[in-house]
Amino acid sequence: MARYEPRDKFYRKAREQGLPSRAAFKLEELIARFKLAHPGARVADLGCAPGGWLAILARTVGPNGRVVGIDLAQCVAPAPNVVMIAGDLHDPAVRTEVAARLGGTADLITSDLSPKLTGIAARDQAQSAELLTIALEFADGVLKPGGTLVAKLFMGAEFGEIKAAFAQAFAKVEVARTKASRPGSSELYLVARGFHAGRD
C-alpha cells in the first residue's frame, strides 16, 4: 500500500502557488480531464472553504466568468470574479442568494461538501450521502439544462443508490479518482453531465 506523506508534491505545490490546500489540484485535474469549465462560465462551489477550489475556478472562468462560493465557514474570495456567501444550503434564502449572485443559471456546480468525520464508517458514509442529496437538490433550482455537477463522495454502502439518483438527473454519470487524493483514501468524485431540467 502506498504510504501517505503529509508534505508530498501536492502539498509543496499548493504552498508554492499560495493555495490553502492540496484539494485545489483535485479539481484542477478533473477540469482538465473532463473539460468541465470554460472562460465566461458561471459556477457555484458548495463547501468552498478554505478556498482552494475557488482559486482554481476563478482562474478557469476568467474575468468574464462568475464563481459563487458557499460554506458555513467564511473564507476570502481569491479574485474579483468570486463572491463568497457564508450560509447553510438547507436554507432556501441562501439558495436564492446564490442564484441571484450568479446572475443566471450555473454552467457548473462543484461540491467538496464533507461531513465532520467521526471515524465510524457507516455514520460518515450516511452523512456524506445526505450532503450529496443536498447538492443534487440544489442543482434543481440553479443548474442550467445540459449543465454539469461534480461532487465528492466516499465509497460505501450507499454508493449504488447515490449514483442511480444522479443518473436520473443527468445524461452521463462517471466516477473518477484524482492523483492528488491521499493514498488509501476512499474519496471519489462523481462527474455528472447533461442535466435534465424540470425532472420529476
N, C-alpha and C. Protein backbone atom coordinates (compact mmCIF):
# COMPACT_ATOMS: atom_id res chain seq x y z
N MET A 1 0.85 -1.20 0.00
CA MET A 1 0.00 0.00 0.00
C MET A 1 0.88 1.25 0.00
N ALA A 2 0.50 2.23 -0.79
CA ALA A 2 1.27 3.48 -0.84
C ALA A 2 1.18 4.19 0.50
N ARG A 3 2.26 4.78 0.90
CA ARG A 3 2.31 5.48 2.18
C ARG A 3 1.99 6.95 1.96
N TYR A 4 1.13 7.48 2.80
CA TYR A 4 0.76 8.88 2.67
C TYR A 4 1.82 9.77 3.30
N GLU A 5 2.32 10.70 2.52
CA GLU A 5 3.30 11.66 3.02
C GLU A 5 2.60 13.01 3.17
N PRO A 6 2.47 13.53 4.42
CA PRO A 6 1.74 14.78 4.62
C PRO A 6 2.29 15.93 3.79
N ARG A 7 3.59 15.91 3.52
CA ARG A 7 4.19 17.01 2.75
C ARG A 7 4.70 16.51 1.40
N ASP A 8 3.84 15.84 0.67
CA ASP A 8 4.21 15.31 -0.64
C ASP A 8 4.22 16.42 -1.68
N LYS A 9 4.34 16.04 -2.97
CA LYS A 9 4.49 17.05 -4.03
C LYS A 9 3.26 17.95 -4.15
N PHE A 10 2.07 17.42 -3.85
CA PHE A 10 0.87 18.25 -3.96
C PHE A 10 0.81 19.28 -2.82
N TYR A 11 1.25 18.87 -1.65
CA TYR A 11 1.34 19.81 -0.53
C TYR A 11 2.32 20.93 -0.87
N ARG A 12 3.48 20.55 -1.38
CA ARG A 12 4.52 21.53 -1.70
C ARG A 12 4.07 22.46 -2.83
N LYS A 13 3.38 21.88 -3.82
CA LYS A 13 2.89 22.67 -4.95
C LYS A 13 1.86 23.70 -4.48
N ALA A 14 0.99 23.29 -3.56
CA ALA A 14 -0.01 24.21 -3.02
C ALA A 14 0.67 25.37 -2.30
N ARG A 15 1.70 25.07 -1.51
CA ARG A 15 2.42 26.12 -0.81
C ARG A 15 3.09 27.08 -1.78
N GLU A 16 3.68 26.53 -2.83
CA GLU A 16 4.38 27.35 -3.82
C GLU A 16 3.43 28.31 -4.53
N GLN A 17 2.20 27.84 -4.78
CA GLN A 17 1.23 28.65 -5.51
C GLN A 17 0.33 29.49 -4.59
N GLY A 18 0.58 29.42 -3.29
CA GLY A 18 -0.21 30.20 -2.35
C GLY A 18 -1.63 29.69 -2.17
N LEU A 19 -1.84 28.40 -2.43
CA LEU A 19 -3.16 27.80 -2.29
C LEU A 19 -3.31 27.20 -0.90
N PRO A 20 -4.54 27.21 -0.34
CA PRO A 20 -4.72 26.76 1.04
C PRO A 20 -4.60 25.26 1.27
N SER A 21 -4.73 24.45 0.24
CA SER A 21 -4.62 23.01 0.43
C SER A 21 -4.39 22.30 -0.90
N ARG A 22 -4.04 21.00 -0.78
CA ARG A 22 -3.83 20.16 -1.95
C ARG A 22 -5.12 19.91 -2.72
N ALA A 23 -6.27 20.15 -2.08
CA ALA A 23 -7.57 19.87 -2.71
C ALA A 23 -7.74 20.62 -4.03
N ALA A 24 -7.07 21.76 -4.16
CA ALA A 24 -7.18 22.55 -5.38
C ALA A 24 -6.78 21.73 -6.60
N PHE A 25 -5.79 20.87 -6.45
CA PHE A 25 -5.28 20.11 -7.59
C PHE A 25 -6.20 18.96 -7.98
N LYS A 26 -7.06 18.54 -7.06
CA LYS A 26 -8.06 17.54 -7.40
C LYS A 26 -9.03 18.12 -8.43
N LEU A 27 -9.50 19.32 -8.14
CA LEU A 27 -10.42 19.97 -9.08
C LEU A 27 -9.72 20.35 -10.38
N GLU A 28 -8.49 20.84 -10.29
CA GLU A 28 -7.74 21.20 -11.48
C GLU A 28 -7.62 20.01 -12.43
N GLU A 29 -7.35 18.83 -11.86
CA GLU A 29 -7.24 17.62 -12.67
C GLU A 29 -8.58 17.25 -13.30
N LEU A 30 -9.67 17.34 -12.52
CA LEU A 30 -10.99 16.99 -13.04
C LEU A 30 -11.42 17.94 -14.15
N ILE A 31 -11.13 19.22 -14.00
CA ILE A 31 -11.47 20.21 -15.03
C ILE A 31 -10.74 19.89 -16.33
N ALA A 32 -9.45 19.56 -16.22
CA ALA A 32 -8.66 19.25 -17.41
C ALA A 32 -9.13 17.94 -18.06
N ARG A 33 -9.41 16.94 -17.24
CA ARG A 33 -9.76 15.62 -17.77
C ARG A 33 -11.13 15.61 -18.44
N PHE A 34 -12.09 16.30 -17.83
CA PHE A 34 -13.46 16.25 -18.32
C PHE A 34 -13.92 17.54 -19.01
N LYS A 35 -13.01 18.52 -19.13
CA LYS A 35 -13.33 19.80 -19.78
C LYS A 35 -14.60 20.39 -19.16
N LEU A 36 -14.53 20.64 -17.87
CA LEU A 36 -15.71 21.00 -17.10
C LEU A 36 -16.10 22.46 -17.14
N ALA A 37 -15.15 23.34 -17.39
CA ALA A 37 -15.46 24.77 -17.34
C ALA A 37 -14.73 25.50 -18.45
N HIS A 38 -15.21 26.69 -18.77
CA HIS A 38 -14.64 27.47 -19.87
C HIS A 38 -14.68 28.94 -19.49
N PRO A 39 -13.90 29.77 -20.16
CA PRO A 39 -13.93 31.20 -19.87
C PRO A 39 -15.34 31.77 -20.01
N GLY A 40 -15.74 32.57 -19.03
CA GLY A 40 -17.07 33.17 -19.05
C GLY A 40 -18.15 32.35 -18.37
N ALA A 41 -17.80 31.15 -17.88
CA ALA A 41 -18.80 30.28 -17.25
C ALA A 41 -19.24 30.80 -15.88
N ARG A 42 -20.45 30.39 -15.48
CA ARG A 42 -20.95 30.66 -14.13
C ARG A 42 -20.85 29.37 -13.33
N VAL A 43 -20.27 29.46 -12.13
CA VAL A 43 -20.03 28.26 -11.31
C VAL A 43 -20.44 28.51 -9.86
N ALA A 44 -21.12 27.54 -9.26
CA ALA A 44 -21.41 27.55 -7.83
C ALA A 44 -20.54 26.48 -7.18
N ASP A 45 -19.80 26.88 -6.14
CA ASP A 45 -18.89 25.96 -5.45
C ASP A 45 -19.41 25.73 -4.04
N LEU A 46 -19.91 24.52 -3.78
CA LEU A 46 -20.51 24.18 -2.49
C LEU A 46 -19.45 23.62 -1.54
N GLY A 47 -19.45 24.13 -0.32
CA GLY A 47 -18.44 23.69 0.64
C GLY A 47 -17.08 24.25 0.27
N CYS A 48 -17.03 25.55 0.00
CA CYS A 48 -15.86 26.16 -0.66
C CYS A 48 -14.67 26.44 0.26
N ALA A 49 -14.88 26.53 1.57
CA ALA A 49 -13.76 26.83 2.47
C ALA A 49 -12.78 25.64 2.49
N PRO A 50 -11.47 25.91 2.54
CA PRO A 50 -10.80 27.20 2.76
C PRO A 50 -10.52 28.02 1.49
N GLY A 51 -11.00 27.58 0.32
CA GLY A 51 -10.90 28.42 -0.86
C GLY A 51 -10.02 27.93 -1.99
N GLY A 52 -9.48 26.73 -1.87
CA GLY A 52 -8.61 26.20 -2.93
C GLY A 52 -9.34 26.01 -4.25
N TRP A 53 -10.58 25.48 -4.18
CA TRP A 53 -11.35 25.29 -5.41
C TRP A 53 -11.75 26.62 -6.00
N LEU A 54 -12.06 27.60 -5.15
CA LEU A 54 -12.42 28.92 -5.66
C LEU A 54 -11.30 29.51 -6.50
N ALA A 55 -10.06 29.34 -6.04
CA ALA A 55 -8.91 29.88 -6.77
C ALA A 55 -8.78 29.24 -8.15
N ILE A 56 -8.94 27.93 -8.21
CA ILE A 56 -8.84 27.21 -9.49
C ILE A 56 -9.98 27.63 -10.41
N LEU A 57 -11.18 27.71 -9.88
CA LEU A 57 -12.34 28.08 -10.69
C LEU A 57 -12.24 29.51 -11.20
N ALA A 58 -11.77 30.42 -10.34
CA ALA A 58 -11.62 31.82 -10.76
C ALA A 58 -10.68 31.94 -11.93
N ARG A 59 -9.60 31.19 -11.87
CA ARG A 59 -8.60 31.18 -12.94
C ARG A 59 -9.19 30.58 -14.22
N THR A 60 -10.00 29.53 -14.07
CA THR A 60 -10.55 28.81 -15.23
C THR A 60 -11.60 29.63 -15.98
N VAL A 61 -12.51 30.28 -15.23
CA VAL A 61 -13.60 31.01 -15.91
C VAL A 61 -13.18 32.40 -16.36
N GLY A 62 -12.09 32.92 -15.80
CA GLY A 62 -11.55 34.20 -16.24
C GLY A 62 -12.36 35.40 -15.77
N PRO A 63 -11.95 36.59 -16.14
CA PRO A 63 -12.58 37.82 -15.64
C PRO A 63 -14.03 38.00 -16.06
N ASN A 64 -14.44 37.36 -17.15
CA ASN A 64 -15.83 37.49 -17.60
C ASN A 64 -16.74 36.41 -17.01
N GLY A 65 -16.16 35.50 -16.24
CA GLY A 65 -16.95 34.46 -15.58
C GLY A 65 -17.34 34.88 -14.18
N ARG A 66 -18.11 34.04 -13.52
CA ARG A 66 -18.55 34.34 -12.16
C ARG A 66 -18.54 33.05 -11.35
N VAL A 67 -17.94 33.12 -10.16
CA VAL A 67 -17.91 31.98 -9.24
C VAL A 67 -18.54 32.42 -7.93
N VAL A 68 -19.50 31.65 -7.45
CA VAL A 68 -20.12 31.92 -6.15
C VAL A 68 -19.82 30.75 -5.23
N GLY A 69 -19.14 31.03 -4.14
CA GLY A 69 -18.79 30.00 -3.16
C GLY A 69 -19.72 30.06 -1.97
N ILE A 70 -20.10 28.88 -1.46
CA ILE A 70 -20.99 28.79 -0.31
C ILE A 70 -20.37 27.86 0.72
N ASP A 71 -20.37 28.28 1.98
CA ASP A 71 -19.86 27.44 3.06
C ASP A 71 -20.39 27.97 4.38
N LEU A 72 -20.46 27.09 5.37
CA LEU A 72 -20.83 27.52 6.72
C LEU A 72 -19.75 28.44 7.29
N ALA A 73 -18.49 28.15 6.90
CA ALA A 73 -17.37 28.95 7.37
C ALA A 73 -17.05 30.04 6.35
N GLN A 74 -16.72 31.22 6.83
CA GLN A 74 -16.35 32.32 5.94
C GLN A 74 -14.95 32.07 5.39
N CYS A 75 -14.72 32.42 4.15
CA CYS A 75 -13.36 32.39 3.60
C CYS A 75 -13.20 33.56 2.63
N VAL A 76 -11.98 33.87 2.31
CA VAL A 76 -11.68 35.05 1.49
C VAL A 76 -11.88 34.72 0.02
N ALA A 77 -12.57 35.59 -0.70
CA ALA A 77 -12.70 35.45 -2.16
C ALA A 77 -11.34 35.73 -2.79
N PRO A 78 -10.79 34.78 -3.56
CA PRO A 78 -9.43 34.93 -4.06
C PRO A 78 -9.27 35.82 -5.29
N ALA A 79 -10.37 36.27 -5.88
CA ALA A 79 -10.29 37.06 -7.11
C ALA A 79 -11.55 37.91 -7.24
N PRO A 80 -11.50 38.97 -8.07
CA PRO A 80 -12.66 39.85 -8.23
C PRO A 80 -13.89 39.16 -8.81
N ASN A 81 -13.69 38.06 -9.54
CA ASN A 81 -14.83 37.38 -10.15
C ASN A 81 -15.44 36.32 -9.23
N VAL A 82 -15.07 36.34 -7.94
CA VAL A 82 -15.57 35.38 -6.96
C VAL A 82 -16.38 36.10 -5.88
N VAL A 83 -17.54 35.54 -5.55
CA VAL A 83 -18.36 36.02 -4.44
C VAL A 83 -18.47 34.90 -3.42
N MET A 84 -18.28 35.23 -2.15
CA MET A 84 -18.37 34.25 -1.08
C MET A 84 -19.63 34.49 -0.25
N ILE A 85 -20.42 33.45 -0.04
CA ILE A 85 -21.61 33.52 0.80
C ILE A 85 -21.45 32.57 1.98
N ALA A 86 -21.51 33.09 3.19
CA ALA A 86 -21.46 32.24 4.37
C ALA A 86 -22.89 31.88 4.76
N GLY A 87 -23.22 30.60 4.67
CA GLY A 87 -24.59 30.19 4.96
C GLY A 87 -24.78 28.70 4.83
N ASP A 88 -25.97 28.24 5.14
CA ASP A 88 -26.32 26.82 5.14
C ASP A 88 -27.18 26.53 3.91
N LEU A 89 -26.78 25.54 3.13
CA LEU A 89 -27.52 25.19 1.92
C LEU A 89 -28.91 24.63 2.21
N HIS A 90 -29.19 24.27 3.47
CA HIS A 90 -30.54 23.85 3.83
C HIS A 90 -31.50 25.05 3.80
N ASP A 91 -30.96 26.25 3.89
CA ASP A 91 -31.75 27.47 3.99
C ASP A 91 -32.16 27.95 2.59
N PRO A 92 -33.47 27.99 2.28
CA PRO A 92 -33.92 28.44 0.96
C PRO A 92 -33.43 29.85 0.62
N ALA A 93 -33.29 30.71 1.63
CA ALA A 93 -32.83 32.07 1.38
C ALA A 93 -31.40 32.09 0.86
N VAL A 94 -30.59 31.15 1.35
CA VAL A 94 -29.20 31.06 0.88
C VAL A 94 -29.18 30.61 -0.58
N ARG A 95 -30.01 29.64 -0.91
CA ARG A 95 -30.07 29.16 -2.29
C ARG A 95 -30.53 30.28 -3.23
N THR A 96 -31.48 31.07 -2.77
CA THR A 96 -31.97 32.19 -3.57
C THR A 96 -30.86 33.22 -3.79
N GLU A 97 -30.08 33.48 -2.73
CA GLU A 97 -28.99 34.44 -2.85
C GLU A 97 -27.92 33.95 -3.82
N VAL A 98 -27.63 32.67 -3.78
CA VAL A 98 -26.65 32.10 -4.71
C VAL A 98 -27.09 32.33 -6.15
N ALA A 99 -28.35 32.01 -6.44
CA ALA A 99 -28.88 32.19 -7.79
C ALA A 99 -28.78 33.65 -8.23
N ALA A 100 -29.09 34.56 -7.30
CA ALA A 100 -29.03 35.99 -7.62
C ALA A 100 -27.61 36.43 -7.90
N ARG A 101 -26.68 35.98 -7.09
CA ARG A 101 -25.28 36.38 -7.25
C ARG A 101 -24.65 35.81 -8.52
N LEU A 102 -25.14 34.64 -8.96
CA LEU A 102 -24.62 34.06 -10.20
C LEU A 102 -25.02 34.90 -11.41
N GLY A 103 -26.17 35.56 -11.32
CA GLY A 103 -26.63 36.37 -12.44
C GLY A 103 -27.23 35.55 -13.56
N GLY A 104 -27.60 34.33 -13.28
CA GLY A 104 -28.16 33.42 -14.27
C GLY A 104 -27.93 32.00 -13.82
N THR A 105 -28.39 31.03 -14.59
CA THR A 105 -28.20 29.64 -14.20
C THR A 105 -26.73 29.24 -14.31
N ALA A 106 -26.32 28.29 -13.49
CA ALA A 106 -24.92 27.85 -13.45
C ALA A 106 -24.61 26.88 -14.59
N ASP A 107 -23.42 27.03 -15.15
CA ASP A 107 -22.92 26.04 -16.11
C ASP A 107 -22.39 24.81 -15.39
N LEU A 108 -21.87 25.05 -14.19
CA LEU A 108 -21.19 24.01 -13.42
C LEU A 108 -21.45 24.22 -11.93
N ILE A 109 -21.71 23.12 -11.23
CA ILE A 109 -21.74 23.13 -9.77
C ILE A 109 -20.65 22.18 -9.29
N THR A 110 -19.82 22.66 -8.39
CA THR A 110 -18.81 21.80 -7.78
C THR A 110 -19.14 21.65 -6.31
N SER A 111 -18.96 20.45 -5.78
CA SER A 111 -19.28 20.21 -4.37
C SER A 111 -18.15 19.43 -3.71
N ASP A 112 -17.49 20.10 -2.77
CA ASP A 112 -16.49 19.43 -1.94
C ASP A 112 -17.03 19.27 -0.52
N LEU A 113 -18.37 19.25 -0.44
CA LEU A 113 -19.02 19.10 0.87
C LEU A 113 -18.58 17.80 1.53
N SER A 114 -18.25 17.88 2.81
CA SER A 114 -17.80 16.70 3.53
C SER A 114 -18.30 16.80 4.97
N PRO A 115 -18.78 15.67 5.53
CA PRO A 115 -19.23 15.71 6.92
C PRO A 115 -18.04 15.80 7.87
N LYS A 116 -18.32 16.18 9.10
CA LYS A 116 -17.28 16.11 10.13
C LYS A 116 -17.10 14.63 10.45
N LEU A 117 -15.97 14.08 10.04
CA LEU A 117 -15.76 12.63 10.13
C LEU A 117 -15.64 12.19 11.59
N THR A 118 -16.34 11.09 11.91
CA THR A 118 -16.35 10.55 13.26
C THR A 118 -15.44 9.33 13.39
N GLY A 119 -15.08 8.74 12.25
CA GLY A 119 -14.31 7.50 12.29
C GLY A 119 -15.21 6.28 12.29
N ILE A 120 -16.52 6.51 12.43
CA ILE A 120 -17.50 5.41 12.36
C ILE A 120 -17.97 5.35 10.91
N ALA A 121 -17.47 4.36 10.18
CA ALA A 121 -17.65 4.32 8.72
C ALA A 121 -19.10 4.47 8.28
N ALA A 122 -20.01 3.70 8.87
CA ALA A 122 -21.41 3.73 8.44
C ALA A 122 -22.02 5.12 8.64
N ARG A 123 -21.69 5.74 9.76
CA ARG A 123 -22.23 7.08 10.04
C ARG A 123 -21.65 8.11 9.09
N ASP A 124 -20.34 8.06 8.87
CA ASP A 124 -19.69 9.02 7.99
C ASP A 124 -20.23 8.90 6.56
N GLN A 125 -20.42 7.66 6.11
CA GLN A 125 -20.91 7.43 4.75
C GLN A 125 -22.36 7.92 4.61
N ALA A 126 -23.17 7.71 5.64
CA ALA A 126 -24.56 8.17 5.60
C ALA A 126 -24.63 9.70 5.55
N GLN A 127 -23.78 10.36 6.32
CA GLN A 127 -23.76 11.82 6.31
C GLN A 127 -23.26 12.35 4.97
N SER A 128 -22.29 11.66 4.39
CA SER A 128 -21.78 12.05 3.08
C SER A 128 -22.89 11.92 2.03
N ALA A 129 -23.67 10.85 2.12
CA ALA A 129 -24.77 10.62 1.19
C ALA A 129 -25.82 11.73 1.31
N GLU A 130 -26.06 12.19 2.53
CA GLU A 130 -27.03 13.27 2.75
C GLU A 130 -26.55 14.56 2.08
N LEU A 131 -25.26 14.84 2.16
CA LEU A 131 -24.70 16.04 1.53
C LEU A 131 -24.79 15.96 0.01
N LEU A 132 -24.63 14.77 -0.54
CA LEU A 132 -24.77 14.60 -1.98
C LEU A 132 -26.22 14.84 -2.42
N THR A 133 -27.15 14.42 -1.58
CA THR A 133 -28.56 14.68 -1.87
C THR A 133 -28.84 16.17 -1.88
N ILE A 134 -28.24 16.90 -0.94
CA ILE A 134 -28.40 18.35 -0.88
C ILE A 134 -27.85 18.99 -2.16
N ALA A 135 -26.68 18.52 -2.61
CA ALA A 135 -26.07 19.07 -3.83
C ALA A 135 -26.99 18.82 -5.04
N LEU A 136 -27.60 17.65 -5.08
CA LEU A 136 -28.49 17.31 -6.19
C LEU A 136 -29.75 18.16 -6.15
N GLU A 137 -30.30 18.37 -4.97
CA GLU A 137 -31.48 19.22 -4.82
C GLU A 137 -31.15 20.67 -5.20
N PHE A 138 -29.96 21.12 -4.82
CA PHE A 138 -29.51 22.48 -5.14
C PHE A 138 -29.46 22.66 -6.66
N ALA A 139 -28.99 21.63 -7.37
CA ALA A 139 -28.88 21.69 -8.83
C ALA A 139 -30.23 21.93 -9.48
N ASP A 140 -31.30 21.40 -8.88
CA ASP A 140 -32.64 21.53 -9.46
C ASP A 140 -33.04 22.98 -9.70
N GLY A 141 -32.60 23.86 -8.81
CA GLY A 141 -33.01 25.24 -8.96
C GLY A 141 -31.98 26.17 -9.54
N VAL A 142 -30.75 25.69 -9.71
CA VAL A 142 -29.66 26.58 -10.08
C VAL A 142 -28.93 26.18 -11.36
N LEU A 143 -28.85 24.89 -11.66
CA LEU A 143 -28.05 24.41 -12.79
C LEU A 143 -28.83 24.50 -14.10
N LYS A 144 -28.17 24.95 -15.15
CA LYS A 144 -28.83 25.09 -16.45
C LYS A 144 -29.02 23.71 -17.11
N PRO A 145 -29.99 23.59 -18.02
CA PRO A 145 -30.13 22.34 -18.77
C PRO A 145 -28.83 22.02 -19.50
N GLY A 146 -28.39 20.77 -19.40
CA GLY A 146 -27.13 20.37 -20.02
C GLY A 146 -25.91 20.64 -19.16
N GLY A 147 -26.13 21.25 -17.98
CA GLY A 147 -25.03 21.60 -17.09
C GLY A 147 -24.39 20.40 -16.41
N THR A 148 -23.33 20.68 -15.66
CA THR A 148 -22.52 19.64 -15.03
C THR A 148 -22.42 19.84 -13.53
N LEU A 149 -22.41 18.73 -12.80
CA LEU A 149 -22.21 18.76 -11.35
C LEU A 149 -21.08 17.80 -11.00
N VAL A 150 -20.11 18.28 -10.26
CA VAL A 150 -19.00 17.45 -9.77
C VAL A 150 -19.09 17.41 -8.26
N ALA A 151 -19.15 16.22 -7.67
CA ALA A 151 -19.33 16.12 -6.23
C ALA A 151 -18.44 15.03 -5.63
N LYS A 152 -17.87 15.36 -4.49
CA LYS A 152 -17.05 14.39 -3.76
C LYS A 152 -17.95 13.39 -3.05
N LEU A 153 -17.51 12.13 -3.05
CA LEU A 153 -18.21 11.11 -2.26
C LEU A 153 -17.20 10.11 -1.74
N PHE A 154 -17.61 9.34 -0.76
CA PHE A 154 -16.77 8.29 -0.20
C PHE A 154 -17.42 6.95 -0.51
N MET A 155 -16.63 6.00 -0.96
CA MET A 155 -17.14 4.69 -1.30
C MET A 155 -17.77 4.05 -0.06
N GLY A 156 -19.00 3.59 -0.20
CA GLY A 156 -19.69 2.98 0.93
C GLY A 156 -20.95 2.27 0.47
N ALA A 157 -21.77 1.87 1.43
CA ALA A 157 -22.97 1.08 1.13
C ALA A 157 -23.97 1.85 0.27
N GLU A 158 -23.96 3.19 0.39
CA GLU A 158 -24.94 4.00 -0.34
C GLU A 158 -24.50 4.34 -1.76
N PHE A 159 -23.33 3.88 -2.17
CA PHE A 159 -22.76 4.30 -3.44
C PHE A 159 -23.69 4.04 -4.63
N GLY A 160 -24.22 2.81 -4.73
CA GLY A 160 -25.09 2.46 -5.84
C GLY A 160 -26.34 3.31 -5.90
N GLU A 161 -26.94 3.56 -4.74
CA GLU A 161 -28.16 4.36 -4.66
C GLU A 161 -27.89 5.81 -5.06
N ILE A 162 -26.76 6.33 -4.61
CA ILE A 162 -26.38 7.71 -4.95
C ILE A 162 -26.16 7.86 -6.45
N LYS A 163 -25.41 6.94 -7.01
CA LYS A 163 -25.12 7.02 -8.45
C LYS A 163 -26.41 6.91 -9.27
N ALA A 164 -27.33 6.07 -8.82
CA ALA A 164 -28.61 5.92 -9.52
C ALA A 164 -29.42 7.21 -9.47
N ALA A 165 -29.39 7.90 -8.33
CA ALA A 165 -30.12 9.17 -8.20
C ALA A 165 -29.55 10.21 -9.15
N PHE A 166 -28.24 10.25 -9.26
CA PHE A 166 -27.61 11.20 -10.19
C PHE A 166 -27.92 10.81 -11.64
N ALA A 167 -27.96 9.52 -11.91
CA ALA A 167 -28.24 9.05 -13.27
C ALA A 167 -29.64 9.43 -13.73
N GLN A 168 -30.58 9.61 -12.79
CA GLN A 168 -31.92 10.04 -13.15
C GLN A 168 -31.95 11.51 -13.55
N ALA A 169 -30.98 12.27 -13.03
CA ALA A 169 -30.98 13.72 -13.26
C ALA A 169 -30.02 14.16 -14.36
N PHE A 170 -29.08 13.28 -14.73
CA PHE A 170 -28.06 13.64 -15.71
C PHE A 170 -27.94 12.56 -16.79
N ALA A 171 -27.56 13.00 -17.98
CA ALA A 171 -27.43 12.08 -19.11
C ALA A 171 -26.26 11.12 -18.94
N LYS A 172 -25.19 11.59 -18.30
CA LYS A 172 -23.99 10.76 -18.16
C LYS A 172 -23.37 10.99 -16.79
N VAL A 173 -23.11 9.89 -16.08
CA VAL A 173 -22.51 9.97 -14.75
C VAL A 173 -21.27 9.07 -14.72
N GLU A 174 -20.13 9.66 -14.39
CA GLU A 174 -18.88 8.92 -14.30
C GLU A 174 -18.29 9.08 -12.91
N VAL A 175 -17.48 8.12 -12.52
CA VAL A 175 -16.81 8.15 -11.23
C VAL A 175 -15.31 8.27 -11.47
N ALA A 176 -14.68 9.20 -10.78
CA ALA A 176 -13.26 9.45 -11.00
C ALA A 176 -12.51 9.51 -9.68
N ARG A 177 -11.26 9.11 -9.73
CA ARG A 177 -10.35 9.28 -8.60
C ARG A 177 -9.23 10.19 -9.09
N THR A 178 -8.75 11.06 -8.23
CA THR A 178 -7.70 12.00 -8.65
C THR A 178 -6.34 11.61 -8.08
N LYS A 179 -5.31 12.03 -8.79
CA LYS A 179 -3.95 11.73 -8.36
C LYS A 179 -3.60 12.44 -7.06
N ALA A 180 -4.25 13.58 -6.81
CA ALA A 180 -3.95 14.35 -5.61
C ALA A 180 -4.66 13.81 -4.36
N SER A 181 -5.58 12.84 -4.53
CA SER A 181 -6.20 12.23 -3.36
C SER A 181 -5.16 11.43 -2.59
N ARG A 182 -5.31 11.38 -1.29
CA ARG A 182 -4.32 10.69 -0.47
C ARG A 182 -4.34 9.19 -0.73
N PRO A 183 -3.19 8.55 -0.80
CA PRO A 183 -3.14 7.10 -0.99
C PRO A 183 -3.96 6.38 0.08
N GLY A 184 -4.77 5.41 -0.36
CA GLY A 184 -5.58 4.65 0.58
C GLY A 184 -6.91 5.29 0.90
N SER A 185 -7.15 6.51 0.42
CA SER A 185 -8.40 7.20 0.69
C SER A 185 -9.54 6.59 -0.12
N SER A 186 -10.75 6.58 0.48
CA SER A 186 -11.93 6.09 -0.25
C SER A 186 -12.62 7.21 -1.00
N GLU A 187 -11.96 8.36 -1.07
CA GLU A 187 -12.53 9.55 -1.72
C GLU A 187 -12.60 9.38 -3.23
N LEU A 188 -13.78 9.64 -3.77
CA LEU A 188 -14.01 9.60 -5.21
C LEU A 188 -14.79 10.85 -5.61
N TYR A 189 -14.92 11.07 -6.92
CA TYR A 189 -15.70 12.20 -7.42
C TYR A 189 -16.69 11.71 -8.46
N LEU A 190 -17.94 12.15 -8.30
CA LEU A 190 -18.97 11.91 -9.31
C LEU A 190 -18.93 13.07 -10.29
N VAL A 191 -18.84 12.75 -11.56
CA VAL A 191 -18.87 13.78 -12.62
C VAL A 191 -20.14 13.52 -13.41
N ALA A 192 -21.15 14.37 -13.18
CA ALA A 192 -22.46 14.20 -13.80
C ALA A 192 -22.68 15.28 -14.83
N ARG A 193 -22.91 14.88 -16.08
CA ARG A 193 -23.05 15.86 -17.18
C ARG A 193 -24.37 15.68 -17.91
N GLY A 194 -24.84 16.76 -18.53
CA GLY A 194 -26.10 16.71 -19.27
C GLY A 194 -27.31 16.74 -18.36
N PHE A 195 -27.42 17.81 -17.55
CA PHE A 195 -28.50 17.92 -16.58
C PHE A 195 -29.87 17.99 -17.25
N HIS A 196 -30.84 17.23 -16.71
CA HIS A 196 -32.21 17.28 -17.21
C HIS A 196 -33.00 18.27 -16.35
N ALA A 197 -33.25 19.45 -16.84
CA ALA A 197 -34.03 20.43 -16.09
C ALA A 197 -35.48 19.99 -15.98
N GLY A 198 -36.10 20.34 -14.86
CA GLY A 198 -37.52 20.06 -14.68
C GLY A 198 -37.84 18.60 -14.54
N ARG A 199 -36.89 17.83 -14.03
CA ARG A 199 -37.17 16.39 -13.85
C ARG A 199 -38.19 16.20 -12.75
N ASP A 200 -38.85 15.02 -12.72
CA ASP A 200 -39.84 14.72 -11.67
C ASP A 200 -39.13 14.36 -10.38
